[in-house]
Amino acid sequence: PLLFHFWHCVFTGHFGTDIMMNFTMVCRGLYSAGVSIICFEVLIGNLRVPQLLLLIIAMQVIYTMNEVLIFDVIRAEDIGGSITIHLFGSCFGLFSSVTFLLGLHNPSEHPHKGSTFQSTIFGFIGSLFLWKFWPAFNAVLSENDEERNRVILNTHLSLAASALATFGLSPVINGNKFSVDEVLNATLAGGAIVGSSCNLIENPALSIFLGSLGGILATLGFRYMSSFLHHQKIYDTIGVINHHFIPGLIGGLASAISCAIWYDKSVRPASTHALIQLAATLISLFVAGLSGFVTGGLMRMIPSSNKFDDKVRWVVDNRWQ
């Protein structure tokens, strides 16, 4: 809330005003925590606590600036955060990874990089909760009941479509077997990809199409993109580029199309608002990419320790080894 208020004062030029602590501000604060998680997922297992603190503090300062710019200055539509949450968080983390791990040993080849049975089961529980509550996540800041119903319907249809696409495609590309990474992540792509347009779409066919597209691209990404990126020295521990970056980018573009067709608010013409959506998408890409690139370079100045080893910072019960 302090950062949101600070940047709002910077852009409006009105300092000395009170901080409005209300339901909306609490939600925006929680969203910023979600962005931190997305950003951290790119480098999880590779960071010491001081490096993690630098990453998250820098990201919070830039993220709040970006959100105030998009919501309060250019007044773009992004109720579910495809642009400001998923695209920004993943882009910041990916560009931080590029400079932080540049020239270092490939983390993807580390013997400890991988899941255990316990972590996979815990991941299934997390994915189930995310799938169940994603419509509420997208709808929490709806302006009225009509918009809230539209958001919930479109998000649910998109999630269902991404789940069907994932479970249909995964055995085809994995020798008639399901992949855990794809099932735990690609099934959720529908919630991220429809976030910016779920309050605008009036034809549910578009929600189903977007969800299917998100599930297909995320599934293919986990199967082929991750290994390709590792060969290009771009490290992404859990595949954020598949679950958040690509759906967030497509979601931003889809919001522009949705605005051009269905935007009916009196703020500005639909065609103008479609261009605003494109501008918001490009702004998030540029701001997150540049600031993440710089942050990753600063993190390299802090000495690293053993990677993918919980024993460095935690008391580990031998029964879990």
Protein backbone atom coordinates (compact mmCIF):
# COMPACT_ATOMS: atom_id res chain seq x y z
CA PRO A 1 0.00 0.00 0.00
CA LEU A 2 2.84 2.45 0.74
CA LEU A 3 4.37 1.87 -2.68
CA PHE A 4 1.04 2.11 -4.50
CA HIS A 5 0.34 5.40 -2.74
CA PHE A 6 3.84 6.72 -3.45
CA TRP A 7 3.64 6.06 -7.18
CA HIS A 8 0.13 7.44 -7.36
CA CYS A 9 1.43 10.68 -5.82
CA VAL A 10 4.34 10.72 -8.28
CA PHE A 11 2.12 10.37 -11.33
CA THR A 12 -0.58 12.77 -10.14
CA GLY A 13 1.74 15.31 -8.48
CA HIS A 14 -0.44 15.43 -5.36
CA PHE A 15 1.68 14.63 -2.31
CA GLY A 16 0.57 14.73 1.30
CA THR A 17 -2.75 12.97 0.74
CA ASP A 18 -3.97 10.15 2.98
CA ILE A 19 -3.47 6.49 2.05
CA MET A 20 -6.83 4.90 1.23
CA MET A 21 -6.85 1.56 3.07
CA ASN A 22 -9.85 -0.27 1.68
CA PHE A 23 -10.81 -3.62 0.19
CA THR A 24 -9.37 -2.73 -3.21
CA MET A 25 -6.01 -1.78 -1.72
CA VAL A 26 -5.85 -5.04 0.23
CA CYS A 27 -6.53 -7.01 -2.96
CA ARG A 28 -3.88 -5.09 -4.88
CA GLY A 29 -1.43 -5.86 -2.09
CA LEU A 30 -2.25 -9.56 -2.28
CA TYR A 31 -1.87 -9.48 -6.06
CA SER A 32 1.60 -8.00 -5.62
CA ALA A 33 2.47 -10.96 -3.40
CA GLY A 34 1.31 -13.26 -6.20
CA VAL A 35 3.60 -11.47 -8.64
CA SER A 36 6.49 -12.06 -6.22
CA ILE A 37 5.77 -15.79 -6.26
CA ILE A 38 5.66 -15.89 -10.08
CA CYS A 39 8.96 -14.01 -10.27
CA PHE A 40 10.62 -16.22 -7.64
CA GLU A 41 9.50 -19.43 -9.39
CA VAL A 42 11.88 -18.74 -12.26
CA LEU A 43 14.93 -18.86 -9.98
CA ILE A 44 13.72 -21.08 -7.13
CA GLY A 45 16.54 -23.30 -5.94
CA ASN A 46 19.25 -20.92 -7.15
CA LEU A 47 18.96 -18.07 -4.62
CA ARG A 48 20.27 -17.32 -1.16
CA VAL A 49 18.06 -15.32 1.18
CA PRO A 50 19.85 -11.97 0.51
CA GLN A 51 19.50 -12.50 -3.23
CA LEU A 52 15.83 -13.36 -2.83
CA LEU A 53 15.21 -10.24 -0.76
CA LEU A 54 16.91 -8.07 -3.40
CA LEU A 55 14.87 -9.71 -6.16
CA ILE A 56 11.51 -9.25 -4.42
CA ILE A 57 12.12 -5.73 -3.08
CA ALA A 58 13.27 -4.47 -6.48
CA MET A 59 10.37 -6.20 -8.18
CA GLN A 60 7.82 -4.72 -5.76
CA VAL A 61 9.07 -1.18 -6.36
CA ILE A 62 8.87 -1.55 -10.14
CA TYR A 63 5.69 -3.63 -10.14
CA THR A 64 3.71 -1.07 -8.16
CA MET A 65 4.94 1.69 -10.48
CA ASN A 66 3.88 -0.35 -13.51
CA GLU A 67 0.45 -1.12 -12.08
CA VAL A 68 -0.28 2.49 -11.15
CA LEU A 69 0.82 3.56 -14.64
CA ILE A 70 -1.43 1.02 -16.35
CA PHE A 71 -4.49 1.31 -14.11
CA ASP A 72 -4.46 4.90 -12.89
CA VAL A 73 -2.72 6.77 -15.72
CA ILE A 74 -3.62 5.11 -19.03
CA ARG A 75 -6.62 3.29 -17.46
CA ALA A 76 -6.30 -0.04 -19.20
CA GLU A 77 -8.53 -3.09 -18.58
CA ASP A 78 -6.83 -5.93 -16.70
CA ILE A 79 -9.21 -7.20 -14.05
CA GLY A 80 -7.60 -10.66 -13.84
CA GLY A 81 -4.00 -9.55 -14.25
CA SER A 82 -2.90 -11.18 -17.52
CA ILE A 83 -0.77 -8.09 -18.20
CA THR A 84 0.11 -6.69 -14.79
CA ILE A 85 0.46 -9.96 -12.86
CA HIS A 86 1.29 -12.92 -15.10
CA LEU A 87 3.15 -11.14 -17.91
CA PHE A 88 5.01 -8.71 -15.65
CA GLY A 89 6.02 -11.24 -12.97
CA SER A 90 7.23 -13.86 -15.44
CA CYS A 91 9.08 -11.33 -17.62
CA PHE A 92 10.85 -9.79 -14.61
CA GLY A 93 11.90 -13.22 -13.37
CA LEU A 94 13.06 -14.47 -16.78
CA PHE A 95 15.22 -11.42 -17.50
CA SER A 96 16.64 -11.57 -13.96
CA SER A 97 17.57 -15.19 -14.65
CA VAL A 98 19.36 -14.25 -17.87
CA THR A 99 21.83 -11.90 -16.18
CA PHE A 100 22.03 -13.64 -12.78
CA LEU A 101 22.98 -17.07 -14.20
CA LEU A 102 24.88 -15.85 -17.27
CA GLY A 103 27.97 -18.00 -17.83
CA LEU A 104 27.33 -20.23 -14.81
CA HIS A 105 26.93 -24.01 -14.77
CA ASN A 106 23.61 -25.16 -16.20
CA PRO A 107 21.24 -25.46 -13.19
CA SER A 108 18.98 -27.82 -15.13
CA GLU A 109 21.74 -30.48 -14.94
CA HIS A 110 22.01 -30.34 -11.14
CA PRO A 111 21.27 -33.77 -9.58
CA HIS A 112 18.97 -32.22 -6.95
CA LYS A 113 16.82 -30.34 -9.45
CA GLY A 114 13.60 -32.27 -9.53
CA SER A 115 10.53 -33.22 -7.57
CA THR A 116 9.86 -35.90 -4.97
CA PHE A 117 6.69 -37.89 -4.45
CA GLN A 118 5.76 -35.67 -1.49
CA SER A 119 6.33 -32.40 -3.37
CA THR A 120 4.33 -33.67 -6.35
CA ILE A 121 1.35 -34.62 -4.19
CA PHE A 122 1.52 -31.22 -2.51
CA GLY A 123 1.63 -29.65 -5.97
CA PHE A 124 -1.53 -31.51 -6.97
CA ILE A 125 -3.32 -30.03 -3.96
CA GLY A 126 -2.09 -26.54 -4.89
CA SER A 127 -3.19 -26.88 -8.52
CA LEU A 128 -6.62 -28.10 -7.41
CA PHE A 129 -7.08 -25.07 -5.17
CA LEU A 130 -5.90 -22.69 -7.89
CA TRP A 131 -8.23 -24.25 -10.47
CA LYS A 132 -11.15 -24.10 -8.05
CA PHE A 133 -10.70 -20.50 -6.92
CA TRP A 134 -9.34 -18.82 -10.07
CA PRO A 135 -12.80 -17.49 -11.09
CA ALA A 136 -13.03 -15.72 -7.71
CA PHE A 137 -9.49 -14.39 -8.15
CA ASN A 138 -10.43 -12.78 -11.47
CA ALA A 139 -13.81 -11.53 -10.25
CA VAL A 140 -12.94 -10.04 -6.87
CA LEU A 141 -12.63 -6.45 -8.16
CA SER A 142 -15.71 -6.54 -10.40
CA GLU A 143 -17.71 -3.33 -10.45
CA ASN A 144 -21.20 -4.89 -10.34
CA ASP A 145 -23.06 -8.21 -10.37
CA GLU A 146 -23.37 -8.31 -14.15
CA GLU A 147 -19.64 -7.92 -14.64
CA ARG A 148 -18.92 -10.40 -11.85
CA ASN A 149 -21.14 -13.06 -13.46
CA ARG A 150 -19.43 -12.51 -16.82
CA VAL A 151 -15.97 -12.81 -15.28
CA ILE A 152 -16.80 -16.03 -13.42
CA LEU A 153 -18.42 -17.63 -16.46
CA ASN A 154 -15.63 -16.75 -18.88
CA THR A 155 -12.89 -17.78 -16.44
CA HIS A 156 -14.55 -21.10 -15.68
CA LEU A 157 -15.05 -21.90 -19.37
CA SER A 158 -11.45 -20.98 -20.15
CA LEU A 159 -10.12 -23.12 -17.30
CA ALA A 160 -12.26 -26.08 -18.33
CA ALA A 161 -11.04 -25.73 -21.91
CA SER A 162 -7.37 -25.57 -20.89
CA ALA A 163 -7.80 -28.65 -18.67
CA LEU A 164 -9.43 -30.62 -21.49
CA ALA A 165 -6.75 -29.52 -23.95
CA THR A 166 -3.96 -30.50 -21.55
CA PHE A 167 -5.33 -33.94 -20.72
CA GLY A 168 -6.06 -34.54 -24.39
CA LEU A 169 -2.65 -33.47 -25.70
CA SER A 170 -0.31 -34.67 -22.94
CA PRO A 171 -0.59 -38.44 -23.66
CA VAL A 172 -0.24 -37.77 -27.39
CA ILE A 173 3.22 -36.21 -27.01
CA ASN A 174 4.38 -38.36 -24.06
CA GLY A 175 3.93 -41.92 -25.29
CA ASN A 176 0.33 -42.37 -24.11
CA LYS A 177 1.21 -41.16 -20.62
CA PHE A 178 0.43 -37.97 -18.68
CA SER A 179 3.22 -35.60 -17.64
CA VAL A 180 3.05 -34.25 -14.10
CA ASP A 181 4.49 -30.84 -15.05
CA GLU A 182 1.86 -30.38 -17.74
CA VAL A 183 -1.05 -31.56 -15.60
CA LEU A 184 -0.08 -29.34 -12.66
CA ASN A 185 0.52 -26.20 -14.74
CA ALA A 186 -0.99 -26.23 -18.23
CA THR A 187 -4.44 -27.01 -16.84
CA LEU A 188 -4.32 -23.56 -15.18
CA ALA A 189 -3.29 -21.62 -18.29
CA GLY A 190 -6.92 -20.81 -19.06
CA GLY A 191 -7.21 -18.67 -15.94
CA ALA A 192 -4.16 -16.60 -16.82
CA ILE A 193 -4.87 -16.16 -20.52
CA VAL A 194 -8.42 -14.84 -20.06
CA GLY A 195 -7.63 -12.52 -17.13
CA SER A 196 -7.50 -9.26 -19.10
CA SER A 197 -10.63 -9.89 -21.15
CA CYS A 198 -12.90 -11.99 -18.90
CA ASN A 199 -15.01 -8.94 -18.01
CA LEU A 200 -15.34 -7.92 -21.66
CA ILE A 201 -16.06 -11.13 -23.58
CA GLU A 202 -19.74 -11.53 -24.40
CA ASN A 203 -19.41 -14.62 -26.60
CA PRO A 204 -18.33 -17.63 -24.52
CA ALA A 205 -16.84 -19.27 -27.61
CA LEU A 206 -13.89 -16.89 -27.35
CA SER A 207 -13.26 -17.91 -23.73
CA ILE A 208 -13.28 -21.57 -24.74
CA PHE A 209 -10.93 -20.85 -27.64
CA LEU A 210 -8.51 -18.88 -25.45
CA GLY A 211 -8.50 -21.57 -22.77
CA SER A 212 -7.86 -24.31 -25.33
CA LEU A 213 -5.07 -22.28 -26.90
CA GLY A 214 -3.50 -21.64 -23.50
CA GLY A 215 -3.63 -25.32 -22.56
CA ILE A 216 -2.15 -26.44 -25.88
CA LEU A 217 0.69 -23.89 -25.88
CA ALA A 218 1.54 -24.52 -22.21
CA THR A 219 1.59 -28.29 -22.72
CA LEU A 220 3.82 -28.02 -25.78
CA GLY A 221 5.97 -25.53 -23.91
CA PHE A 222 6.64 -27.89 -21.01
CA ARG A 223 7.42 -30.69 -23.47
CA TYR A 224 9.67 -28.79 -25.87
CA MET A 225 10.26 -25.13 -24.89
CA SER A 226 11.91 -25.70 -21.51
CA SER A 227 14.73 -27.85 -22.85
CA PHE A 228 15.26 -25.43 -25.75
CA LEU A 229 15.58 -22.48 -23.36
CA HIS A 230 18.11 -24.34 -21.22
CA HIS A 231 20.26 -24.91 -24.29
CA GLN A 232 20.06 -21.15 -24.94
CA LYS A 233 21.33 -20.47 -21.37
CA ILE A 234 17.93 -19.19 -20.23
CA TYR A 235 17.01 -20.96 -16.98
CA ASP A 236 13.45 -21.30 -15.73
CA THR A 237 13.18 -23.72 -12.82
CA ILE A 238 9.49 -24.57 -13.02
CA GLY A 239 8.49 -23.38 -16.49
CA VAL A 240 7.05 -19.95 -15.74
CA ILE A 241 7.39 -19.04 -19.42
CA ASN A 242 4.79 -21.70 -20.27
CA HIS A 243 2.35 -21.14 -17.42
CA HIS A 244 2.49 -17.34 -17.08
CA PHE A 245 4.50 -15.54 -19.79
CA ILE A 246 2.92 -16.96 -22.95
CA PRO A 247 -0.67 -16.93 -21.54
CA GLY A 248 -0.11 -13.41 -20.17
CA LEU A 249 1.18 -12.13 -23.51
CA ILE A 250 -1.65 -13.72 -25.49
CA GLY A 251 -4.12 -12.53 -22.85
CA GLY A 252 -2.95 -8.94 -23.34
CA LEU A 253 -3.44 -9.23 -27.10
CA ALA A 254 -6.84 -10.87 -26.59
CA SER A 255 -7.93 -7.97 -24.39
CA ALA A 256 -7.22 -5.57 -27.25
CA ILE A 257 -9.40 -7.62 -29.58
CA SER A 258 -12.15 -7.87 -26.96
CA CYS A 259 -12.07 -4.12 -26.39
CA ALA A 260 -12.34 -3.45 -30.11
CA ILE A 261 -15.47 -5.63 -30.28
CA TRP A 262 -17.28 -5.26 -26.96
CA TYR A 263 -15.93 -2.23 -25.09
CA ASP A 264 -18.95 -0.03 -24.34
CA LYS A 265 -17.83 2.24 -21.49
CA SER A 266 -17.97 6.00 -21.92
CA VAL A 267 -14.30 6.56 -21.04
CA ARG A 268 -13.08 6.44 -24.67
CA PRO A 269 -13.98 4.89 -28.06
CA ALA A 270 -13.55 1.11 -28.41
CA SER A 271 -10.86 1.40 -31.08
CA THR A 272 -8.84 3.79 -28.93
CA HIS A 273 -9.12 1.52 -25.92
CA ALA A 274 -7.92 -1.45 -27.98
CA LEU A 275 -4.73 0.50 -28.69
CA ILE A 276 -4.47 1.29 -24.97
CA GLN A 277 -4.53 -2.44 -24.23
CA LEU A 278 -1.71 -3.04 -26.70
CA ALA A 279 0.23 -0.18 -25.13
CA ALA A 280 -0.27 -1.65 -21.64
CA THR A 281 1.06 -5.01 -22.83
CA LEU A 282 4.15 -3.44 -24.37
CA ILE A 283 4.73 -1.25 -21.31
CA SER A 284 4.70 -4.29 -18.99
CA LEU A 285 7.10 -6.15 -21.28
CA PHE A 286 9.54 -3.26 -21.50
CA VAL A 287 9.44 -2.20 -17.84
CA ALA A 288 9.67 -5.77 -16.48
CA GLY A 289 12.36 -6.82 -18.96
CA LEU A 290 14.63 -3.84 -18.39
CA SER A 291 14.28 -3.76 -14.60
CA GLY A 292 14.63 -7.54 -14.33
CA PHE A 293 17.78 -7.46 -16.44
CA VAL A 294 19.35 -4.87 -14.13
CA THR A 295 18.20 -6.67 -10.96
CA GLY A 296 19.75 -9.94 -12.10
CA GLY A 297 23.07 -8.19 -12.58
CA LEU A 298 22.90 -6.73 -9.07
CA MET A 299 22.11 -10.17 -7.61
CA ARG A 300 25.35 -11.55 -9.09
CA MET A 301 27.29 -9.28 -6.73
CA ILE A 302 26.05 -11.33 -3.76
CA PRO A 303 28.06 -14.57 -3.29
CA SER A 304 26.06 -17.72 -4.05
CA SER A 305 25.93 -20.96 -2.07
CA ASN A 306 25.01 -24.54 -2.92
CA LYS A 307 22.05 -24.72 -5.25
CA PHE A 308 18.94 -26.88 -4.87
CA ASP A 309 19.97 -27.81 -1.32
CA ASP A 310 17.56 -27.11 1.53
CA LYS A 311 20.21 -27.95 4.14
CA VAL A 312 21.96 -24.63 3.51
CA ARG A 313 19.15 -22.62 5.15
CA TRP A 314 16.79 -25.16 6.74
CA VAL A 315 16.86 -27.90 9.35
CA VAL A 316 16.03 -30.96 7.22
CA ASP A 317 14.55 -34.17 8.67
CA ASN A 318 16.52 -37.15 7.35
CA ARG A 319 13.28 -39.08 6.88
CA TRP A 320 12.51 -36.85 3.87
CA GLN A 321 15.83 -37.55 2.12
